[in-house]
Amino acid sequence: MDEIDEIVEQRQAERHRKPDDREFKMLQIRNVLNIIFTVVAVVGVGLCLAGKQTIGTYVFVASIPFKFAEVAIRILKL
């Protein structure tokens, strides 16, 4: 049983590595972009539901470039 545990721990260690500094920085940037996107989108939807559909739509559309930037970073693995 100890041999199996050692093999499992070794495989997990191979798969779960610590991100290097560059990857960690990109993850932080992606998280900030996602937070900005989410907050602005929720405000836009809230405005739409409050009856100010035109302003809400503009606010929601303004949030989309933040998501595009985050997706580009993720896909291109910058």
N, C-alpha and C. Protein backbone atom coordinates (compact mmCIF):
# COMPACT_ATOMS: atom_id res chain seq x y z
N MET A 1 0.82 -1.20 0.00
CA MET A 1 0.00 0.00 0.00
C MET A 1 0.86 1.27 0.00
N ASP A 2 1.99 1.23 0.67
CA ASP A 2 2.87 2.40 0.70
C ASP A 2 3.40 2.73 -0.68
N GLU A 3 3.65 1.69 -1.47
CA GLU A 3 4.17 1.89 -2.81
C GLU A 3 3.15 2.62 -3.68
N ILE A 4 1.90 2.25 -3.55
CA ILE A 4 0.83 2.90 -4.31
C ILE A 4 0.71 4.36 -3.90
N ASP A 5 0.77 4.62 -2.60
CA ASP A 5 0.68 6.00 -2.12
C ASP A 5 1.82 6.85 -2.66
N GLU A 6 3.02 6.28 -2.72
CA GLU A 6 4.16 7.02 -3.25
C GLU A 6 3.97 7.33 -4.73
N ILE A 7 3.46 6.37 -5.47
CA ILE A 7 3.22 6.59 -6.90
C ILE A 7 2.18 7.67 -7.11
N VAL A 8 1.11 7.64 -6.32
CA VAL A 8 0.05 8.64 -6.42
C VAL A 8 0.60 10.02 -6.09
N GLU A 9 1.37 10.13 -5.02
CA GLU A 9 1.94 11.43 -4.64
C GLU A 9 2.89 11.95 -5.71
N GLN A 10 3.67 11.05 -6.31
CA GLN A 10 4.60 11.45 -7.35
C GLN A 10 3.85 11.98 -8.58
N ARG A 11 2.80 11.30 -8.98
CA ARG A 11 2.01 11.74 -10.14
C ARG A 11 1.33 13.07 -9.87
N GLN A 12 0.80 13.24 -8.65
CA GLN A 12 0.16 14.50 -8.31
C GLN A 12 1.16 15.64 -8.31
N ALA A 13 2.36 15.38 -7.83
CA ALA A 13 3.40 16.41 -7.81
C ALA A 13 3.78 16.81 -9.23
N GLU A 14 3.77 15.86 -10.16
CA GLU A 14 4.10 16.17 -11.54
C GLU A 14 3.04 17.03 -12.19
N ARG A 15 1.78 16.78 -11.87
CA ARG A 15 0.67 17.50 -12.50
C ARG A 15 0.40 18.85 -11.86
N HIS A 16 0.63 18.96 -10.58
CA HIS A 16 0.31 20.19 -9.84
C HIS A 16 1.60 20.93 -9.50
N ARG A 17 2.06 21.66 -10.49
CA ARG A 17 3.28 22.43 -10.27
C ARG A 17 2.91 23.86 -9.88
N LYS A 18 3.84 24.52 -9.27
CA LYS A 18 3.65 25.90 -8.90
C LYS A 18 3.87 26.78 -10.13
N PRO A 19 2.97 27.73 -10.39
CA PRO A 19 3.19 28.59 -11.56
C PRO A 19 4.41 29.49 -11.35
N ASP A 20 5.14 29.75 -12.43
CA ASP A 20 6.28 30.64 -12.31
C ASP A 20 5.79 32.08 -12.18
N ASP A 21 6.71 33.01 -12.02
CA ASP A 21 6.35 34.41 -11.76
C ASP A 21 5.53 35.01 -12.90
N ARG A 22 5.89 34.69 -14.14
CA ARG A 22 5.17 35.25 -15.28
C ARG A 22 3.74 34.73 -15.34
N GLU A 23 3.57 33.43 -15.15
CA GLU A 23 2.24 32.84 -15.16
C GLU A 23 1.39 33.41 -14.03
N PHE A 24 2.01 33.59 -12.87
CA PHE A 24 1.29 34.12 -11.73
C PHE A 24 0.84 35.56 -11.99
N LYS A 25 1.71 36.35 -12.61
CA LYS A 25 1.36 37.73 -12.93
C LYS A 25 0.21 37.78 -13.95
N MET A 26 0.26 36.91 -14.97
CA MET A 26 -0.81 36.86 -15.96
C MET A 26 -2.12 36.42 -15.32
N LEU A 27 -2.05 35.48 -14.38
CA LEU A 27 -3.26 35.05 -13.67
C LEU A 27 -3.86 36.20 -12.89
N GLN A 28 -3.02 37.00 -12.25
CA GLN A 28 -3.52 38.16 -11.51
C GLN A 28 -4.18 39.16 -12.45
N ILE A 29 -3.55 39.41 -13.58
CA ILE A 29 -4.12 40.36 -14.56
C ILE A 29 -5.46 39.83 -15.07
N ARG A 30 -5.53 38.54 -15.37
CA ARG A 30 -6.79 37.95 -15.84
C ARG A 30 -7.87 38.06 -14.78
N ASN A 31 -7.51 37.83 -13.53
CA ASN A 31 -8.49 37.94 -12.45
C ASN A 31 -9.02 39.36 -12.33
N VAL A 32 -8.14 40.35 -12.44
CA VAL A 32 -8.57 41.75 -12.35
C VAL A 32 -9.50 42.08 -13.52
N LEU A 33 -9.14 41.63 -14.72
CA LEU A 33 -9.99 41.88 -15.89
C LEU A 33 -11.36 41.22 -15.72
N ASN A 34 -11.39 40.01 -15.16
CA ASN A 34 -12.67 39.34 -14.93
C ASN A 34 -13.51 40.06 -13.89
N ILE A 35 -12.88 40.58 -12.86
CA ILE A 35 -13.61 41.32 -11.82
C ILE A 35 -14.21 42.59 -12.41
N ILE A 36 -13.41 43.32 -13.21
CA ILE A 36 -13.92 44.54 -13.84
C ILE A 36 -15.09 44.21 -14.76
N PHE A 37 -14.93 43.17 -15.58
CA PHE A 37 -16.00 42.76 -16.48
C PHE A 37 -17.27 42.43 -15.71
N THR A 38 -17.13 41.65 -14.67
CA THR A 38 -18.31 41.21 -13.91
C THR A 38 -19.02 42.38 -13.25
N VAL A 39 -18.28 43.27 -12.63
CA VAL A 39 -18.89 44.41 -11.94
C VAL A 39 -19.60 45.31 -12.94
N VAL A 40 -18.93 45.65 -14.04
CA VAL A 40 -19.54 46.55 -15.02
C VAL A 40 -20.76 45.88 -15.67
N ALA A 41 -20.66 44.59 -15.97
CA ALA A 41 -21.80 43.88 -16.58
C ALA A 41 -22.99 43.83 -15.63
N VAL A 42 -22.74 43.58 -14.36
CA VAL A 42 -23.85 43.53 -13.39
C VAL A 42 -24.50 44.91 -13.26
N VAL A 43 -23.70 45.96 -13.27
CA VAL A 43 -24.26 47.32 -13.21
C VAL A 43 -25.11 47.58 -14.46
N GLY A 44 -24.60 47.18 -15.62
CA GLY A 44 -25.35 47.36 -16.86
C GLY A 44 -26.68 46.62 -16.86
N VAL A 45 -26.66 45.38 -16.41
CA VAL A 45 -27.90 44.60 -16.34
C VAL A 45 -28.84 45.22 -15.31
N GLY A 46 -28.28 45.68 -14.20
CA GLY A 46 -29.11 46.34 -13.19
C GLY A 46 -29.80 47.58 -13.73
N LEU A 47 -29.06 48.35 -14.51
CA LEU A 47 -29.67 49.55 -15.12
C LEU A 47 -30.76 49.16 -16.11
N CYS A 48 -30.52 48.10 -16.87
CA CYS A 48 -31.56 47.64 -17.81
C CYS A 48 -32.82 47.23 -17.08
N LEU A 49 -32.65 46.52 -15.99
CA LEU A 49 -33.81 46.06 -15.22
C LEU A 49 -34.50 47.20 -14.48
N ALA A 50 -33.75 48.27 -14.21
CA ALA A 50 -34.32 49.42 -13.52
C ALA A 50 -35.09 50.34 -14.46
N GLY A 51 -35.09 50.01 -15.74
CA GLY A 51 -35.87 50.79 -16.68
C GLY A 51 -35.05 51.72 -17.56
N LYS A 52 -33.76 51.79 -17.32
CA LYS A 52 -32.90 52.64 -18.16
C LYS A 52 -32.17 51.75 -19.15
N GLN A 53 -32.91 51.24 -20.12
CA GLN A 53 -32.37 50.23 -21.01
C GLN A 53 -31.24 50.74 -21.90
N THR A 54 -31.36 51.94 -22.40
CA THR A 54 -30.33 52.46 -23.30
C THR A 54 -29.00 52.62 -22.57
N ILE A 55 -29.03 53.25 -21.41
CA ILE A 55 -27.80 53.44 -20.63
C ILE A 55 -27.26 52.10 -20.17
N GLY A 56 -28.14 51.21 -19.73
CA GLY A 56 -27.72 49.88 -19.29
C GLY A 56 -27.05 49.09 -20.41
N THR A 57 -27.58 49.22 -21.60
CA THR A 57 -26.99 48.52 -22.73
C THR A 57 -25.60 49.06 -23.04
N TYR A 58 -25.45 50.39 -23.00
CA TYR A 58 -24.13 50.98 -23.25
C TYR A 58 -23.13 50.55 -22.18
N VAL A 59 -23.56 50.52 -20.93
CA VAL A 59 -22.67 50.10 -19.85
C VAL A 59 -22.28 48.64 -20.03
N PHE A 60 -23.25 47.80 -20.37
CA PHE A 60 -22.96 46.38 -20.57
C PHE A 60 -22.00 46.19 -21.74
N VAL A 61 -22.23 46.90 -22.83
CA VAL A 61 -21.35 46.79 -24.00
C VAL A 61 -19.94 47.29 -23.65
N ALA A 62 -19.85 48.27 -22.76
CA ALA A 62 -18.54 48.78 -22.35
C ALA A 62 -17.74 47.73 -21.56
N SER A 63 -18.42 46.73 -21.01
CA SER A 63 -17.72 45.70 -20.24
C SER A 63 -17.11 44.63 -21.15
N ILE A 64 -17.57 44.51 -22.37
CA ILE A 64 -17.16 43.43 -23.25
C ILE A 64 -15.66 43.47 -23.60
N PRO A 65 -15.05 44.63 -23.86
CA PRO A 65 -13.60 44.62 -24.16
C PRO A 65 -12.74 44.03 -23.03
N PHE A 66 -13.19 44.18 -21.79
CA PHE A 66 -12.43 43.59 -20.68
C PHE A 66 -12.44 42.06 -20.78
N LYS A 67 -13.57 41.50 -21.15
CA LYS A 67 -13.66 40.05 -21.32
C LYS A 67 -12.85 39.60 -22.52
N PHE A 68 -12.91 40.35 -23.62
CA PHE A 68 -12.11 40.01 -24.80
C PHE A 68 -10.61 39.99 -24.46
N ALA A 69 -10.17 40.99 -23.70
CA ALA A 69 -8.76 41.05 -23.31
C ALA A 69 -8.38 39.83 -22.46
N GLU A 70 -9.24 39.46 -21.52
CA GLU A 70 -8.96 38.30 -20.65
C GLU A 70 -8.90 37.03 -21.47
N VAL A 71 -9.84 36.86 -22.39
CA VAL A 71 -9.86 35.66 -23.24
C VAL A 71 -8.63 35.62 -24.14
N ALA A 72 -8.23 36.75 -24.67
CA ALA A 72 -7.04 36.79 -25.53
C ALA A 72 -5.80 36.37 -24.74
N ILE A 73 -5.68 36.85 -23.53
CA ILE A 73 -4.54 36.46 -22.69
C ILE A 73 -4.57 34.96 -22.43
N ARG A 74 -5.75 34.43 -22.14
CA ARG A 74 -5.87 33.01 -21.84
C ARG A 74 -5.57 32.14 -23.08
N ILE A 75 -6.13 32.51 -24.22
CA ILE A 75 -5.96 31.69 -25.42
C ILE A 75 -4.53 31.77 -25.95
N LEU A 76 -3.97 32.97 -25.99
CA LEU A 76 -2.62 33.15 -26.51
C LEU A 76 -1.55 32.78 -25.49
N LYS A 77 -1.95 32.54 -24.27
CA LYS A 77 -1.04 32.16 -23.18
C LYS A 77 0.12 33.14 -23.08
N LEU A 78 -0.24 34.41 -23.01
CA LEU A 78 0.77 35.46 -22.90
C LEU A 78 1.43 35.44 -21.54
